[in-house]
Amino acid sequence: MARYTGPVCKLCRREVTKLFLKGTRCLTEKCAVDRRSYPPGQHGQSTGRRRKASEYAKQLREKQKVKRIYGLSEQQFRNLFERVLKEPGVTGEALLVALETRLDNLVYRMGFATSRKQARQLVRHRHILVNGRLVDIPSFHVRAGDEVKVADASRELVLVKVALEQFGRGQPVSWIQVDTDKVLGRMTERPTRDAIPIAAQEQLIVELYSK
């Protein structure tokens, strides 16, 4: 499946906000969006020529922002939305919960990788166990009570060691417990919207897909 392979800071500038696509490095490095807080391109700085954003434009940008934060393709994101649409409760909140409980996101949240992209690589390369069983599907849905662990043979990987050294610099979440000595973590409960540290207006995404 095709994925964006260009400079990730360009995506942050397009959304005019930090997307933390480099993970913990975004907390220590000077971000491009800090230096140039306007979209890329020759007209990015010409705000006087730009019209006020329509409701559709706001909805589209919010969808693109969230999709890029979690590193999903358009088809993956749409399929996930269609799935949560059938679930009871608030659709926007259910969408964010579904994104947060993906295995690649949990590996990142637990501090075993410095970014979601790196976490996805760990899962794909068969370094992650869920409840003692090898899982190599980044979109695998982790449930409350499940244990996520780096395989014993993979603990000495440089990227895992670096990630563990940087663990704690990011935004902690209350619904995860981590044992850095054993390189394992547990999702203690299903996250609520208030416990998900993502600055997103998920209702705009619901409105966009409901057209």
C-alpha atoms as a PDB file:
ATOM      1  CA  MET A   1       0.000   0.000   0.000  1.00  0.00           C
ATOM      2  CA  ALA A   2       1.399   3.398  -1.008  1.00  0.00           C
ATOM      3  CA  ARG A   3       2.490   5.664   1.821  1.00  0.00           C
ATOM      4  CA  TYR A   4       3.812   9.205   1.988  1.00  0.00           C
ATOM      5  CA  THR A   5       7.616   9.111   1.915  1.00  0.00           C
ATOM      6  CA  GLY A   6       8.391  12.834   1.714  1.00  0.00           C
ATOM      7  CA  PRO A   7       9.485  15.194   4.518  1.00  0.00           C
ATOM      8  CA  VAL A   8       7.074  14.833   7.443  1.00  0.00           C
ATOM      9  CA  CYS A   9       7.592  18.423   8.578  1.00  0.00           C
ATOM     10  CA  LYS A  10       5.903  19.487   5.340  1.00  0.00           C
ATOM     11  CA  LEU A  11       2.741  17.731   6.539  1.00  0.00           C
ATOM     12  CA  CYS A  12       2.876  19.619   9.830  1.00  0.00           C
ATOM     13  CA  ARG A  13       3.182  22.895   7.944  1.00  0.00           C
ATOM     14  CA  ARG A  14       0.235  21.971   5.739  1.00  0.00           C
ATOM     15  CA  GLU A  15      -1.946  21.552   8.826  1.00  0.00           C
ATOM     16  CA  VAL A  16      -0.213  24.539  10.515  1.00  0.00           C
ATOM     17  CA  THR A  17       0.247  22.529  13.719  1.00  0.00           C
ATOM     18  CA  LYS A  18       2.627  19.964  15.183  1.00  0.00           C
ATOM     19  CA  LEU A  19       1.535  16.433  14.315  1.00  0.00           C
ATOM     20  CA  PHE A  20       4.429  14.783  16.214  1.00  0.00           C
ATOM     21  CA  LEU A  21       5.201  12.546  13.236  1.00  0.00           C
ATOM     22  CA  LYS A  22       8.770  12.221  14.510  1.00  0.00           C
ATOM     23  CA  GLY A  23       7.497  11.251  17.933  1.00  0.00           C
ATOM     24  CA  THR A  24       9.631  12.331  20.869  1.00  0.00           C
ATOM     25  CA  ARG A  25      12.086  14.095  18.535  1.00  0.00           C
ATOM     26  CA  CYS A  26       9.422  16.756  17.985  1.00  0.00           C
ATOM     27  CA  LEU A  27       9.754  17.675  21.664  1.00  0.00           C
ATOM     28  CA  THR A  28      13.476  18.327  21.447  1.00  0.00           C
ATOM     29  CA  GLU A  29      14.038  19.548  17.881  1.00  0.00           C
ATOM     30  CA  LYS A  30      13.097  22.927  16.428  1.00  0.00           C
ATOM     31  CA  CYS A  31      10.041  22.217  14.317  1.00  0.00           C
ATOM     32  CA  ALA A  32       9.535  23.681  10.841  1.00  0.00           C
ATOM     33  CA  VAL A  33       6.041  24.836  11.777  1.00  0.00           C
ATOM     34  CA  ASP A  34       7.580  26.965  14.538  1.00  0.00           C
ATOM     35  CA  ARG A  35       9.811  28.743  12.029  1.00  0.00           C
ATOM     36  CA  ARG A  36       7.225  29.042   9.239  1.00  0.00           C
ATOM     37  CA  SER A  37       3.693  28.856  10.598  1.00  0.00           C
ATOM     38  CA  TYR A  38       1.995  28.880   7.196  1.00  0.00           C
ATOM     39  CA  PRO A  39       1.316  26.199   4.554  1.00  0.00           C
ATOM     40  CA  PRO A  40       4.111  25.226   2.137  1.00  0.00           C
ATOM     41  CA  GLY A  41       4.133  26.406  -1.462  1.00  0.00           C
ATOM     42  CA  GLN A  42       4.556  29.749  -3.187  1.00  0.00           C
ATOM     43  CA  HIS A  43       1.153  31.005  -1.995  1.00  0.00           C
ATOM     44  CA  GLY A  44       1.420  29.661   1.530  1.00  0.00           C
ATOM     45  CA  GLN A  45       2.380  33.015   2.992  1.00  0.00           C
ATOM     46  CA  SER A  46      -0.106  35.030   0.914  1.00  0.00           C
ATOM     47  CA  THR A  47      -2.836  34.967   3.543  1.00  0.00           C
ATOM     48  CA  GLY A  48      -4.351  38.160   2.155  1.00  0.00           C
ATOM     49  CA  ARG A  49      -5.268  36.398  -1.076  1.00  0.00           C
ATOM     50  CA  ARG A  50      -6.852  33.446   0.672  1.00  0.00           C
ATOM     51  CA  ARG A  51     -10.562  33.362   1.311  1.00  0.00           C
ATOM     52  CA  LYS A  52     -12.135  32.387   4.590  1.00  0.00           C
ATOM     53  CA  ALA A  53     -12.179  28.596   4.875  1.00  0.00           C
ATOM     54  CA  SER A  54     -15.529  26.988   4.121  1.00  0.00           C
ATOM     55  CA  GLU A  55     -17.129  24.436   6.446  1.00  0.00           C
ATOM     56  CA  TYR A  56     -16.101  21.669   4.062  1.00  0.00           C
ATOM     57  CA  ALA A  57     -12.498  22.897   4.083  1.00  0.00           C
ATOM     58  CA  LYS A  58     -12.430  22.860   7.899  1.00  0.00           C
ATOM     59  CA  GLN A  59     -13.832  19.337   7.971  1.00  0.00           C
ATOM     60  CA  LEU A  60     -11.358  18.120   5.363  1.00  0.00           C
ATOM     61  CA  ARG A  61      -8.355  19.618   7.141  1.00  0.00           C
ATOM     62  CA  GLU A  62      -9.416  18.052  10.450  1.00  0.00           C
ATOM     63  CA  LYS A  63      -9.747  14.650   8.817  1.00  0.00           C
ATOM     64  CA  GLN A  64      -6.363  14.998   7.117  1.00  0.00           C
ATOM     65  CA  LYS A  65      -4.753  16.068  10.388  1.00  0.00           C
ATOM     66  CA  VAL A  66      -6.014  13.089  12.395  1.00  0.00           C
ATOM     67  CA  LYS A  67      -5.316  10.656   9.558  1.00  0.00           C
ATOM     68  CA  ARG A  68      -1.721  11.861   9.329  1.00  0.00           C
ATOM     69  CA  ILE A  69      -1.158  11.803  13.099  1.00  0.00           C
ATOM     70  CA  TYR A  70      -1.948   8.078  13.201  1.00  0.00           C
ATOM     71  CA  GLY A  71      -0.282   7.309   9.855  1.00  0.00           C
ATOM     72  CA  LEU A  72      -3.255   5.751   8.063  1.00  0.00           C
ATOM     73  CA  SER A  73      -4.091   5.758   4.380  1.00  0.00           C
ATOM     74  CA  GLU A  74      -7.385   7.235   3.206  1.00  0.00           C
ATOM     75  CA  GLN A  75      -8.915   3.785   2.657  1.00  0.00           C
ATOM     76  CA  GLN A  76      -7.819   2.546   6.098  1.00  0.00           C
ATOM     77  CA  PHE A  77      -9.236   5.632   7.749  1.00  0.00           C
ATOM     78  CA  ARG A  78     -12.533   5.373   5.889  1.00  0.00           C
ATOM     79  CA  ASN A  79     -12.885   1.661   6.672  1.00  0.00           C
ATOM     80  CA  LEU A  80     -12.284   2.361  10.348  1.00  0.00           C
ATOM     81  CA  PHE A  81     -14.929   5.076  10.320  1.00  0.00           C
ATOM     82  CA  GLU A  82     -17.443   2.755   8.668  1.00  0.00           C
ATOM     83  CA  ARG A  83     -16.795   0.189  11.396  1.00  0.00           C
ATOM     84  CA  VAL A  84     -17.252   2.543  14.344  1.00  0.00           C
ATOM     85  CA  LEU A  85     -20.336   4.020  12.690  1.00  0.00           C
ATOM     86  CA  LYS A  86     -22.137   0.766  13.516  1.00  0.00           C
ATOM     87  CA  GLU A  87     -21.156   0.920  17.191  1.00  0.00           C
ATOM     88  CA  PRO A  88     -23.405   2.482  19.860  1.00  0.00           C
ATOM     89  CA  GLY A  89     -22.401   5.788  21.441  1.00  0.00           C
ATOM     90  CA  VAL A  90     -20.783   8.934  20.087  1.00  0.00           C
ATOM     91  CA  THR A  91     -19.222   8.188  16.685  1.00  0.00           C
ATOM     92  CA  GLY A  92     -16.438  10.767  16.920  1.00  0.00           C
ATOM     93  CA  GLU A  93     -15.256   9.494  20.289  1.00  0.00           C
ATOM     94  CA  ALA A  94     -15.487   5.882  19.105  1.00  0.00           C
ATOM     95  CA  LEU A  95     -13.287   6.785  16.131  1.00  0.00           C
ATOM     96  CA  LEU A  96     -10.533   8.193  18.330  1.00  0.00           C
ATOM     97  CA  VAL A  97     -10.767   5.224  20.709  1.00  0.00           C
ATOM     98  CA  ALA A  98     -10.425   2.832  17.746  1.00  0.00           C
ATOM     99  CA  LEU A  99      -7.334   4.721  16.578  1.00  0.00           C
ATOM    100  CA  GLU A 100      -5.794   4.742  20.052  1.00  0.00           C
ATOM    101  CA  THR A 101      -6.319   1.018  20.601  1.00  0.00           C
ATOM    102  CA  ARG A 102      -4.490  -0.005  17.429  1.00  0.00           C
ATOM    103  CA  LEU A 103      -1.437  -2.104  18.284  1.00  0.00           C
ATOM    104  CA  ASP A 104       1.045   0.238  16.595  1.00  0.00           C
ATOM    105  CA  ASN A 105      -0.296   3.192  18.570  1.00  0.00           C
ATOM    106  CA  LEU A 106      -0.102   1.229  21.850  1.00  0.00           C
ATOM    107  CA  VAL A 107       3.532   0.310  21.164  1.00  0.00           C
ATOM    108  CA  TYR A 108       4.245   4.024  20.687  1.00  0.00           C
ATOM    109  CA  ARG A 109       2.242   5.114  23.737  1.00  0.00           C
ATOM    110  CA  MET A 110       4.066   2.570  25.909  1.00  0.00           C
ATOM    111  CA  GLY A 111       7.418   4.035  24.933  1.00  0.00           C
ATOM    112  CA  PHE A 112       8.784   1.059  22.997  1.00  0.00           C
ATOM    113  CA  ALA A 113       9.168   3.222  19.860  1.00  0.00           C
ATOM    114  CA  THR A 114       9.881   6.921  19.391  1.00  0.00           C
ATOM    115  CA  SER A 115       7.157   7.392  16.750  1.00  0.00           C
ATOM    116  CA  ARG A 116       4.100   5.616  15.414  1.00  0.00           C
ATOM    117  CA  LYS A 117       5.939   4.904  12.170  1.00  0.00           C
ATOM    118  CA  GLN A 118       8.712   3.190  14.089  1.00  0.00           C
ATOM    119  CA  ALA A 119       6.138   1.317  16.181  1.00  0.00           C
ATOM    120  CA  ARG A 120       4.474   0.046  13.004  1.00  0.00           C
ATOM    121  CA  GLN A 121       7.860  -1.202  11.815  1.00  0.00           C
ATOM    122  CA  LEU A 122       8.407  -3.105  15.074  1.00  0.00           C
ATOM    123  CA  VAL A 123       5.038  -4.812  14.710  1.00  0.00           C
ATOM    124  CA  ARG A 124       5.556  -5.635  11.037  1.00  0.00           C
ATOM    125  CA  HIS A 125       8.983  -7.139  11.727  1.00  0.00           C
ATOM    126  CA  ARG A 126       7.498  -9.483  14.332  1.00  0.00           C
ATOM    127  CA  HIS A 127       9.039  -7.985  17.463  1.00  0.00           C
ATOM    128  CA  ILE A 128       5.790  -7.545  19.424  1.00  0.00           C
ATOM    129  CA  LEU A 129       3.754 -10.040  21.458  1.00  0.00           C
ATOM    130  CA  VAL A 130       0.152  -9.593  22.624  1.00  0.00           C
ATOM    131  CA  ASN A 131      -0.794 -11.830  25.544  1.00  0.00           C
ATOM    132  CA  GLY A 132       2.240 -13.980  24.749  1.00  0.00           C
ATOM    133  CA  ARG A 133       1.363 -14.468  21.077  1.00  0.00           C
ATOM    134  CA  LEU A 134       3.241 -12.929  18.159  1.00  0.00           C
ATOM    135  CA  VAL A 135       1.187 -10.312  16.306  1.00  0.00           C
ATOM    136  CA  ASP A 136       2.483  -8.630  13.138  1.00  0.00           C
ATOM    137  CA  ILE A 137      -0.631  -6.636  12.197  1.00  0.00           C
ATOM    138  CA  PRO A 138      -0.319  -2.919  13.123  1.00  0.00           C
ATOM    139  CA  SER A 139      -4.105  -2.442  13.028  1.00  0.00           C
ATOM    140  CA  PHE A 140      -4.698  -5.259  15.532  1.00  0.00           C
ATOM    141  CA  HIS A 141      -7.308  -4.118  18.071  1.00  0.00           C
ATOM    142  CA  VAL A 142      -5.988  -4.235  21.646  1.00  0.00           C
ATOM    143  CA  ARG A 143      -8.612  -4.727  24.358  1.00  0.00           C
ATOM    144  CA  ALA A 144      -8.676  -3.693  27.999  1.00  0.00           C
ATOM    145  CA  GLY A 145      -6.528  -6.089  30.021  1.00  0.00           C
ATOM    146  CA  ASP A 146      -4.333  -7.148  27.087  1.00  0.00           C
ATOM    147  CA  GLU A 147      -0.572  -7.278  27.644  1.00  0.00           C
ATOM    148  CA  VAL A 148       1.749  -5.878  24.970  1.00  0.00           C
ATOM    149  CA  LYS A 149       5.389  -6.934  25.161  1.00  0.00           C
ATOM    150  CA  VAL A 150       8.585  -6.616  23.165  1.00  0.00           C
ATOM    151  CA  ALA A 151       9.869 -10.117  22.365  1.00  0.00           C
ATOM    152  CA  ASP A 152      12.793 -11.210  24.537  1.00  0.00           C
ATOM    153  CA  ALA A 153      15.082 -11.551  21.516  1.00  0.00           C
ATOM    154  CA  SER A 154      14.251  -7.990  20.434  1.00  0.00           C
ATOM    155  CA  ARG A 155      14.966  -6.128  23.676  1.00  0.00           C
ATOM    156  CA  GLU A 156      18.529  -5.359  22.609  1.00  0.00           C
ATOM    157  CA  LEU A 157      17.464  -3.559  19.438  1.00  0.00           C
ATOM    158  CA  VAL A 158      18.996  -0.093  19.322  1.00  0.00           C
ATOM    159  CA  LEU A 159      15.717   1.608  18.468  1.00  0.00           C
ATOM    160  CA  VAL A 160      13.985  -0.050  21.438  1.00  0.00           C
ATOM    161  CA  LYS A 161      16.770   0.991  23.817  1.00  0.00           C
ATOM    162  CA  VAL A 162      16.711   4.568  22.550  1.00  0.00           C
ATOM    163  CA  ALA A 163      12.926   4.697  22.886  1.00  0.00           C
ATOM    164  CA  LEU A 164      13.051   3.412  26.463  1.00  0.00           C
ATOM    165  CA  GLU A 165      15.699   6.009  27.345  1.00  0.00           C
ATOM    166  CA  GLN A 166      13.357   8.717  26.093  1.00  0.00           C
ATOM    167  CA  PHE A 167      10.274   7.183  27.734  1.00  0.00           C
ATOM    168  CA  GLY A 168       8.369   9.740  29.785  1.00  0.00           C
ATOM    169  CA  ARG A 169       9.156  12.761  27.607  1.00  0.00           C
ATOM    170  CA  GLY A 170       5.897  12.391  25.743  1.00  0.00           C
ATOM    171  CA  GLN A 171       2.369  12.771  27.006  1.00  0.00           C
ATOM    172  CA  PRO A 172       1.513   9.976  29.480  1.00  0.00           C
ATOM    173  CA  VAL A 173      -1.929   8.386  29.419  1.00  0.00           C
ATOM    174  CA  SER A 174      -3.769   7.096  32.462  1.00  0.00           C
ATOM    175  CA  TRP A 175      -5.141   3.932  30.848  1.00  0.00           C
ATOM    176  CA  ILE A 176      -1.759   2.296  30.238  1.00  0.00           C
ATOM    177  CA  GLN A 177       0.672   0.719  32.726  1.00  0.00           C
ATOM    178  CA  VAL A 178       4.263   0.070  31.650  1.00  0.00           C
ATOM    179  CA  ASP A 179       7.080  -2.001  33.139  1.00  0.00           C
ATOM    180  CA  THR A 180      10.228  -0.729  31.434  1.00  0.00           C
ATOM    181  CA  ASP A 181      12.420  -3.410  33.057  1.00  0.00           C
ATOM    182  CA  LYS A 182      10.388  -6.201  31.469  1.00  0.00           C
ATOM    183  CA  VAL A 183       9.623  -4.072  28.385  1.00  0.00           C
ATOM    184  CA  LEU A 184       5.923  -4.772  28.593  1.00  0.00           C
ATOM    185  CA  GLY A 185       2.772  -2.785  29.098  1.00  0.00           C
ATOM    186  CA  ARG A 186      -0.902  -3.350  29.746  1.00  0.00           C
ATOM    187  CA  MET A 187      -3.972  -1.459  28.614  1.00  0.00           C
ATOM    188  CA  THR A 188      -5.814  -1.260  31.910  1.00  0.00           C
ATOM    189  CA  GLU A 189      -9.083   0.125  30.570  1.00  0.00           C
ATOM    190  CA  ARG A 190     -10.821   1.382  27.463  1.00  0.00           C
ATOM    191  CA  PRO A 191      -9.766   5.013  27.000  1.00  0.00           C
ATOM    192  CA  THR A 192     -12.275   7.830  27.239  1.00  0.00           C
ATOM    193  CA  ARG A 193     -12.152  10.985  25.123  1.00  0.00           C
ATOM    194  CA  ASP A 194     -10.815  13.040  28.042  1.00  0.00           C
ATOM    195  CA  ALA A 195      -7.908  10.615  28.446  1.00  0.00           C
ATOM    196  CA  ILE A 196      -6.796  10.815  24.794  1.00  0.00           C
ATOM    197  CA  PRO A 197      -4.197  13.612  24.394  1.00  0.00           C
ATOM    198  CA  ILE A 198      -5.086  14.561  20.830  1.00  0.00           C
ATOM    199  CA  ALA A 199      -6.182  18.103  19.969  1.00  0.00           C
ATOM    200  CA  ALA A 200      -8.830  17.169  17.426  1.00  0.00           C
ATOM    201  CA  GLN A 201     -12.395  18.157  16.627  1.00  0.00           C
ATOM    202  CA  GLU A 202     -13.600  14.690  15.758  1.00  0.00           C
ATOM    203  CA  GLN A 203     -17.160  15.875  15.157  1.00  0.00           C
ATOM    204  CA  LEU A 204     -15.941  17.668  12.019  1.00  0.00           C
ATOM    205  CA  ILE A 205     -14.741  14.322  10.657  1.00  0.00           C
ATOM    206  CA  VAL A 206     -18.120  12.742  11.349  1.00  0.00           C
ATOM    207  CA  GLU A 207     -19.829  15.611   9.538  1.00  0.00           C
ATOM    208  CA  LEU A 208     -17.478  15.237   6.561  1.00  0.00           C
ATOM    209  CA  TYR A 209     -18.118  11.517   6.126  1.00  0.00           C
ATOM    210  CA  SER A 210     -21.846  11.947   6.727  1.00  0.00           C
ATOM    211  CA  LYS A 211     -22.349  14.100   3.621  1.00  0.00           C
END
